[in-house]
Amino acid sequence: MAMLAKRFSILIVLALTAYLPTAQAASAISTELAKKCRAMAIKAYPPPTPGSKPTGAGKGQRDYFRECVAKGGKMEN
């Protein structure tokens, strides 16, 4: 049983060793792009004024921001 566990462990290590170099790291967006998309999202979905009822602007801003980043900041107005 110990020999089977040892072989299985070796197989797992070899599989991970073969897979890890092919995995791609996620690239971070630039600061300028993040600032630009954030400003555009706030302009498109302004936050509600204090004391008013929630408008759901937060979800709209998040969705807009994700789309803006995906398009590289080139959003259609």
C-alpha atoms as a PDB file:
ATOM      1  CA  MET A   1       0.000   0.000   0.000  1.00  0.00           C
ATOM      2  CA  ALA A   2       2.863   2.362   0.813  1.00  0.00           C
ATOM      3  CA  MET A   3       4.434   1.724  -2.583  1.00  0.00           C
ATOM      4  CA  LEU A   4       1.127   2.598  -4.328  1.00  0.00           C
ATOM      5  CA  ALA A   5       0.831   5.851  -2.364  1.00  0.00           C
ATOM      6  CA  LYS A   6       4.435   6.748  -3.183  1.00  0.00           C
ATOM      7  CA  ARG A   7       3.903   6.159  -6.916  1.00  0.00           C
ATOM      8  CA  PHE A   8       0.674   8.135  -6.862  1.00  0.00           C
ATOM      9  CA  SER A   9       2.467  11.043  -5.138  1.00  0.00           C
ATOM     10  CA  ILE A  10       5.222  10.977  -7.740  1.00  0.00           C
ATOM     11  CA  LEU A  11       2.630  10.986 -10.508  1.00  0.00           C
ATOM     12  CA  ILE A  12       0.910  14.043  -8.984  1.00  0.00           C
ATOM     13  CA  VAL A  13       4.216  15.904  -8.654  1.00  0.00           C
ATOM     14  CA  LEU A  14       5.138  15.145 -12.264  1.00  0.00           C
ATOM     15  CA  ALA A  15       1.728  16.261 -13.517  1.00  0.00           C
ATOM     16  CA  LEU A  16       1.943  19.549 -11.602  1.00  0.00           C
ATOM     17  CA  THR A  17       5.495  20.119 -12.784  1.00  0.00           C
ATOM     18  CA  ALA A  18       4.353  19.728 -16.376  1.00  0.00           C
ATOM     19  CA  TYR A  19       1.303  21.975 -15.927  1.00  0.00           C
ATOM     20  CA  LEU A  20       2.668  24.932 -13.934  1.00  0.00           C
ATOM     21  CA  PRO A  21       5.013  26.368 -16.577  1.00  0.00           C
ATOM     22  CA  THR A  22       2.150  26.507 -19.095  1.00  0.00           C
ATOM     23  CA  ALA A  23      -0.198  28.439 -16.784  1.00  0.00           C
ATOM     24  CA  GLN A  24      -0.432  32.126 -17.673  1.00  0.00           C
ATOM     25  CA  ALA A  25      -0.396  34.769 -14.985  1.00  0.00           C
ATOM     26  CA  ALA A  26      -3.153  37.369 -15.080  1.00  0.00           C
ATOM     27  CA  SER A  27      -1.893  40.731 -16.218  1.00  0.00           C
ATOM     28  CA  ALA A  28      -2.705  43.777 -14.134  1.00  0.00           C
ATOM     29  CA  ILE A  29      -4.387  46.788 -15.679  1.00  0.00           C
ATOM     30  CA  SER A  30      -2.610  50.140 -15.702  1.00  0.00           C
ATOM     31  CA  THR A  31      -3.376  52.840 -13.185  1.00  0.00           C
ATOM     32  CA  GLU A  32      -4.394  55.239 -15.930  1.00  0.00           C
ATOM     33  CA  LEU A  33      -6.893  52.765 -17.376  1.00  0.00           C
ATOM     34  CA  ALA A  34      -8.394  52.071 -13.950  1.00  0.00           C
ATOM     35  CA  LYS A  35      -8.779  55.785 -13.191  1.00  0.00           C
ATOM     36  CA  LYS A  36     -10.285  56.503 -16.608  1.00  0.00           C
ATOM     37  CA  CYS A  37     -12.787  53.639 -16.385  1.00  0.00           C
ATOM     38  CA  ARG A  38     -13.715  54.532 -12.796  1.00  0.00           C
ATOM     39  CA  ALA A  39     -14.448  58.130 -13.761  1.00  0.00           C
ATOM     40  CA  MET A  40     -16.510  57.013 -16.753  1.00  0.00           C
ATOM     41  CA  ALA A  41     -18.460  54.542 -14.598  1.00  0.00           C
ATOM     42  CA  ILE A  42     -19.306  57.216 -12.040  1.00  0.00           C
ATOM     43  CA  LYS A  43     -20.393  59.572 -14.819  1.00  0.00           C
ATOM     44  CA  ALA A  44     -22.585  56.880 -16.408  1.00  0.00           C
ATOM     45  CA  TYR A  45     -24.049  55.684 -13.087  1.00  0.00           C
ATOM     46  CA  PRO A  46     -23.844  58.515 -10.522  1.00  0.00           C
ATOM     47  CA  PRO A  47     -24.143  57.428  -6.885  1.00  0.00           C
ATOM     48  CA  PRO A  48     -27.387  58.326  -5.110  1.00  0.00           C
ATOM     49  CA  THR A  49     -27.439  61.369  -2.873  1.00  0.00           C
ATOM     50  CA  PRO A  50     -27.349  60.669   0.864  1.00  0.00           C
ATOM     51  CA  GLY A  51     -30.820  60.101   2.266  1.00  0.00           C
ATOM     52  CA  SER A  52     -32.366  58.978  -1.009  1.00  0.00           C
ATOM     53  CA  LYS A  53     -33.463  55.471  -1.859  1.00  0.00           C
ATOM     54  CA  PRO A  54     -30.850  53.062  -3.277  1.00  0.00           C
ATOM     55  CA  THR A  55     -30.759  53.146  -7.067  1.00  0.00           C
ATOM     56  CA  GLY A  56     -28.563  50.139  -7.775  1.00  0.00           C
ATOM     57  CA  ALA A  57     -25.841  52.401  -9.140  1.00  0.00           C
ATOM     58  CA  GLY A  58     -23.154  50.261  -7.509  1.00  0.00           C
ATOM     59  CA  LYS A  59     -23.917  47.237  -9.679  1.00  0.00           C
ATOM     60  CA  GLY A  60     -24.150  49.424 -12.764  1.00  0.00           C
ATOM     61  CA  GLN A  61     -20.775  50.995 -11.971  1.00  0.00           C
ATOM     62  CA  ARG A  62     -19.114  47.600 -11.438  1.00  0.00           C
ATOM     63  CA  ASP A  63     -20.514  46.205 -14.685  1.00  0.00           C
ATOM     64  CA  TYR A  64     -19.537  49.341 -16.603  1.00  0.00           C
ATOM     65  CA  PHE A  65     -16.026  49.288 -15.111  1.00  0.00           C
ATOM     66  CA  ARG A  66     -15.480  45.624 -16.058  1.00  0.00           C
ATOM     67  CA  GLU A  67     -16.678  46.255 -19.599  1.00  0.00           C
ATOM     68  CA  CYS A  68     -14.522  49.377 -19.895  1.00  0.00           C
ATOM     69  CA  VAL A  69     -11.400  47.510 -18.770  1.00  0.00           C
ATOM     70  CA  ALA A  70     -12.169  44.653 -21.151  1.00  0.00           C
ATOM     71  CA  LYS A  71     -12.413  47.147 -24.031  1.00  0.00           C
ATOM     72  CA  GLY A  72      -9.242  48.978 -23.020  1.00  0.00           C
ATOM     73  CA  GLY A  73     -11.101  52.168 -22.066  1.00  0.00           C
ATOM     74  CA  LYS A  74     -12.721  52.630 -25.460  1.00  0.00           C
ATOM     75  CA  MET A  75     -16.383  52.838 -24.514  1.00  0.00           C
ATOM     76  CA  GLU A  76     -19.153  54.074 -26.769  1.00  0.00           C
ATOM     77  CA  ASN A  77     -21.104  56.930 -25.265  1.00  0.00           C
END
